[in-house]
Amino acid sequence: MAIGHTWSVAVLGIDGRVIEVEADLGGGLPSTKLVGLPDAGLREAKDRVRSAVRNSGQQWPGEKLTLGLSPANLPKLGSGYDLAIAVAVLAAANSVPATRLPGTVLLGELSLDGRVREIRGVLPGLIAARNAGMKRAVVPEQSLFEAVLVEGLDVFGAACLADVVAWLKGEASLVRPETAAESAPPKVPDLVDVVGQPEARWALEVAAAGGHHLLFTGPPGVGKTMLAKRLPGLLPRLSTEEALEVTAVHSVHGSLSQASPLVTVPPFVAPHHSVSVAALIGGGSGLASPGLISRAHCGVLLLDEACEFSGAALDSLRTALEDGEVRIARSKGSVRYPARFQLVLATNPCPCAPPRETECTCTPTAIRRYRNRLSGPLVDRVDIQVRMRPITAMTSHTEESPEPTAVVRDRVMAARERAAARWSTHGWRTNAEVPGPVLRRQFPLPSRATALLDRSLHQGHLTARGADRCLRVSWTLADLFNLPEPSADHVAAALEFRDRTAA
């Protein structure tokens, strides 16, 4: 009896695990059996692989063939194991030497004629392979643009199974990836385009400096969406760790751009209000795929016309806003996707939404029902809430011209640097990431600064979660003014940002 060994990777969410593929030949009449918890798509691999091997000029073994995927208790999904299975069978049949197989992972789906098709999740799969100590990887040639992003791994691209066989025999070489080119950052709208709204502009600056969630309420046409779309321009470029994590999510989703595969700028996601819970959070049969909140990881999620979203979709955000990730359980297992984003909600004050509030024809019941789409627990997680007023004049001779994004961004970057230096020992980058107990115990403010918070808590106008969020905003205000700690005025300003009448 002969056994061939190869290695592939199982990707669960954005976490990968190296899988050993074994092919055992002999011991009975010609048959093929696949074990190791394969899903329906993977069970069909034995038929795809048999045709691919034959059409690549190789002989399919005429003996009993048992294919095992280890660890056997881990669900295996998808068609990315085809290449590893085919090579394991050929190695067991002594059709290819096994000298290059140790330390090599093989990823790719095989067509019936032997072509290697691209698959999703190559980037997180290769990161897992590198972390497991693998040295080389063979991936579909079309996936080299994302495979090159993984450092510390010797990557090769294959167009067909015949090329892999020739490479294993030392008769030919595989395609090597080109160095990833640095892509120019995309253009973002400028704040100078926004007319008026000084309070909302200041709130946007504070939200950008501290990573806080934001709610804009106002009649249509006052600039709620315009301001929200300009938030990504105030945020810093992603760190190397963040860029790889965001790119891994996009790789699993299948939305990577071949021209600029590495996502280096904060993503901006703005779904329509008809979006389903599964599309927003993530879902699907088998193991869940990433949703829009995971695609907005390290970026901005804008819910425009927020009160038009379903209550179930809005409330499904609550856990992700607290934990910075989403965990989805399905029949095939549970997956985890990162979902640390800045939430921006924009909504009208009532269903009819006239340009002037005095023209509103909605009944109090209709207004209350409309606003209640944003539940109390969800709004309580929003740090900054701003009521925007109608524009009364397009130009003003008494006011200075609006500040452009570049000027505001400089202040935001300086404030973020102060916060990052303060929290560097804990691993946090923004004030919004700091847990409330840390602020209260390790960085307590004088009682004269928090007296207003205590009074609001005593009167029931503020929850304990809201108080913690006020403290985070007050630290951001202190950073913007380059002060060592917040004062009573900063705490009062943070509390004013949480005025529930703005919702």
Foldseek 3Di string as FASTA:
>chain_A
DFKFWAWAWAQFALAIDIKIKMKDWADAFDDEEEAQQEDPQCRCLVVLLCLLQVLLVHDQDGTHIYIYIPPSVAHHYDQQCNLVNNVRRCCRVVVFPCPPRVLEYETFHAGSNFFTHADFQPLSRVVNSVVVPRAEYEGAPVCLLNVLLDPRHFYFHDGGSNQVRCVRRVNDGGHGHDHHDDDDDDDFDKPLPQFDPPVVLVVLLLCQLFVFAEEEEAFPPNCQVVSQRCSQLLHDWDDSVQQSQLLSLCRQVVNADSNHSGRGGQDEAEDALADDLCQAQFADAQRTRGHPLLNRQRHEYEHEQVLSHALVNLVVCLVCLVPQKDWDAHPNGIHIGGRSYHYYYYHYQFDVRDLDPVPDPDDPVRSVNSVCSCPPSSLLRGQFFDYGHHDPDRDDPVDDRDDISVVSSVLSVQLQVVVCVVCVVVPDRGLSPDDLVCCCPVVNDDCQQCVVVVVCVVVVVHDPSNLSSLLSSQSSVCSSVVHPHGGNVSSVVSVVRSPVVSD
